[in-house]
Protein backbone atom coordinates (compact mmCIF):
# COMPACT_ATOMS: atom_id res chain seq x y z
CA ASP A 1 153.62 93.89 46.10
CA ALA A 2 156.92 93.70 44.25
CA PHE A 3 155.46 95.76 41.37
CA ARG A 4 154.33 98.71 43.45
CA GLY A 5 156.57 101.75 43.11
CA THR A 6 160.01 101.54 41.64
CA THR A 7 163.31 100.20 42.66
CA THR A 8 165.45 102.99 41.28
CA GLU A 9 166.42 103.97 44.84
CA THR A 10 168.61 100.89 45.24
CA THR A 11 171.71 99.84 43.32
CA THR A 12 173.23 96.61 42.26
CA ASP A 13 176.82 95.49 41.50
CA LEU A 14 176.60 94.27 37.95
CA GLN A 15 179.67 92.13 38.00
CA ALA A 16 178.35 90.30 41.15
CA LEU A 17 174.95 89.90 39.52
CA MET A 18 176.43 88.46 36.29
CA SER A 19 178.76 86.12 38.20
CA HIS A 20 175.85 84.85 40.24
CA LEU A 21 173.89 84.17 36.99
CA SER A 22 176.83 82.35 35.42
CA MET A 23 176.89 79.93 38.38
CA ARG A 24 173.14 79.16 38.12
CA PHE A 25 173.33 77.85 34.49
CA ASP A 26 175.18 74.96 32.79
CA ARG A 27 178.02 76.60 30.89
CA ARG A 28 177.34 74.36 27.97
CA MET A 29 173.95 75.97 27.58
CA VAL A 30 174.54 79.54 28.87
CA GLN A 31 177.66 81.57 28.50
CA VAL A 32 177.53 84.64 30.71
CA VAL A 33 180.22 87.17 29.96
CA THR A 34 180.99 89.06 33.17
CA PRO A 35 181.63 92.79 32.81
CA PRO A 36 184.45 94.81 34.44
CA SER A 37 184.14 95.54 38.18
CA ASP A 38 182.92 98.78 39.62
CA ILE A 39 179.66 99.06 37.52
CA ARG A 40 176.64 99.66 39.56
CA VAL A 41 173.11 99.73 38.05
CA THR A 42 169.81 101.07 39.44
CA GLY A 43 167.57 98.32 40.78
CA ASP A 44 167.23 95.83 43.54
CA GLU A 45 169.62 92.90 43.23
CA VAL A 46 167.08 90.17 44.15
CA LEU A 47 164.50 91.51 41.70
CA LEU A 48 167.00 92.01 38.84
CA THR A 49 168.46 88.51 39.36
CA ARG A 50 164.91 87.16 39.11
CA ALA A 51 164.20 89.08 35.97
CA LEU A 52 167.44 88.10 34.18
CA ARG A 53 167.06 84.43 35.20
CA LEU A 54 163.44 84.45 33.78
CA VAL A 55 164.77 85.90 30.50
CA ILE A 56 167.73 83.47 30.32
CA ASP A 57 165.47 80.51 31.18
CA HIS A 58 163.16 81.50 28.29
CA ALA A 59 166.11 81.77 25.95
CA VAL A 60 167.37 78.30 26.82
CA ARG A 61 163.96 76.88 26.17
CA TYR A 62 163.79 78.45 22.60
CA ARG A 63 167.44 78.45 21.53
CA GLY A 64 168.47 76.38 18.54
CA PRO A 65 169.26 72.70 19.14
CA GLY A 66 172.59 72.34 20.74
CA SER A 67 173.16 76.16 20.58
CA PRO A 68 174.47 77.93 23.76
CA VAL A 69 172.96 81.15 24.77
CA TRP A 70 175.25 84.20 25.10
CA PHE A 71 174.54 86.89 27.71
CA ARG A 72 176.84 89.88 27.58
CA ALA A 73 177.05 93.38 29.13
CA ALA A 74 178.32 96.44 27.32
CA LEU A 75 178.54 100.03 28.22
CA ASP A 76 177.17 102.61 25.79
CA SER A 77 180.47 104.15 24.75
CA ALA A 78 178.75 106.76 22.56
CA ALA A 79 177.15 108.41 25.61
CA LYS A 80 179.55 110.74 27.41
CA PRO A 81 179.37 110.22 30.35
CA ALA A 82 177.82 106.76 29.97
CA SER A 83 174.36 106.67 31.51
CA GLU A 84 173.34 103.03 30.95
CA VAL A 85 174.68 99.56 30.39
CA GLY A 86 173.21 97.22 27.76
CA LEU A 87 172.74 93.48 28.27
CA ALA A 88 172.50 91.52 25.15
CA LEU A 89 171.08 87.88 24.95
CA GLU A 90 171.43 85.87 21.83
CA ALA A 91 171.82 82.32 20.67
CA ALA A 92 175.27 81.32 19.45
CA THR A 93 173.65 79.99 16.21
CA PRO A 94 170.57 81.62 14.77
CA GLY A 95 167.32 80.26 16.36
CA PHE A 96 165.37 82.97 18.13
CA ASN A 97 162.17 84.31 16.52
CA ARG A 98 160.54 87.60 17.35
CA SER A 99 157.32 85.95 18.37
CA THR A 100 159.25 84.01 21.03
CA TRP A 101 159.79 87.26 22.89
CA HIS A 102 156.43 89.03 22.25
CA TYR A 103 155.39 89.24 25.91
CA LEU A 104 158.78 90.66 26.97
CA ILE A 105 158.06 93.86 25.02
CA HIS A 106 154.21 94.01 24.90
CA ASP A 107 151.94 94.34 27.91
CA GLU A 108 148.61 93.30 26.40
CA LEU A 109 147.12 90.03 27.56
CA ASP A 110 145.83 87.50 25.16
CA ALA A 111 142.87 85.75 26.69
CA ASP A 112 143.87 82.44 24.99
CA LEU A 113 147.29 82.54 26.50
CA VAL A 114 146.39 83.63 30.11
CA GLY A 115 147.82 81.07 32.39
CA ARG A 116 150.72 80.05 30.29
CA SER A 117 153.78 80.34 32.32
CA GLY A 118 156.10 81.63 29.49
CA MET A 119 153.91 84.73 28.97
CA MET A 120 153.76 85.50 32.65
CA ARG A 121 157.53 84.91 33.07
CA LEU A 122 158.43 87.37 30.31
CA GLN A 123 155.92 89.94 31.57
CA THR A 124 157.32 89.61 35.10
CA ALA A 125 160.82 90.16 33.82
CA SER A 126 159.83 93.16 31.76
CA HIS A 127 158.11 94.75 34.63
CA ILE A 128 161.01 94.32 36.97
CA VAL A 129 163.47 95.83 34.47
CA ARG A 130 161.13 98.86 33.78
CA MET A 131 160.48 99.26 37.51
CA SER A 132 164.21 99.56 37.89
CA GLY A 133 164.37 102.39 35.42
CA GLY A 134 165.53 100.20 32.48
CA SER A 135 164.04 99.06 29.18
CA VAL A 136 163.60 95.95 27.10
CA ALA A 137 163.75 95.50 23.36
CA VAL A 138 164.00 92.89 20.72
CA ASP A 139 166.29 93.49 17.73
CA GLY A 140 166.84 91.72 14.47
CA ASP A 141 164.99 89.40 12.08
CA ASP A 142 163.61 85.96 12.72
CA GLY A 143 166.47 83.47 13.36
CA HIS A 144 168.88 86.37 14.24
CA VAL A 145 167.05 88.03 17.11
CA ARG A 146 168.85 89.60 20.06
CA VAL A 147 167.15 90.55 23.30
CA LEU A 148 168.47 93.95 24.59
CA ILE A 149 168.05 94.98 28.19
CA LYS A 150 169.25 98.42 29.27
CA LEU A 151 169.79 99.25 32.94
CA GLY A 152 170.64 102.76 34.22
CA LEU A 153 174.05 103.29 35.79
CA ALA A 154 173.94 104.32 39.37
């Protein structure tokens, strides 16, 4: 039922969401950089928290050995007025491969992978972000991949 309709009617305080995420992870493994206050994004707080937790959990699983994961927010300063905020997830040392994130950006189901929790987690996260009016992308070459999540400003 959570995937019926959209959640663009609700808004979430991005600073509170990122602060909540920073408390859920070991700081030696996940560094969440909290954005300035007074930034509201479209989407339900509970669903967005779930989506971002799923993506960060996946990153922790596939990061380089001993490498923390960085999760940062940045306003698109080129857009006047800014219409979205970008969230970037990357490993502190190169380690992510594009294939690790395949099901975050692709909807097709691979019959051989159905039932694998990683695939379902990434597709769930992707659906929540898109349902909230946002987008997901993977940028960079193997070893230097960044996951980019964009959320609309409310």
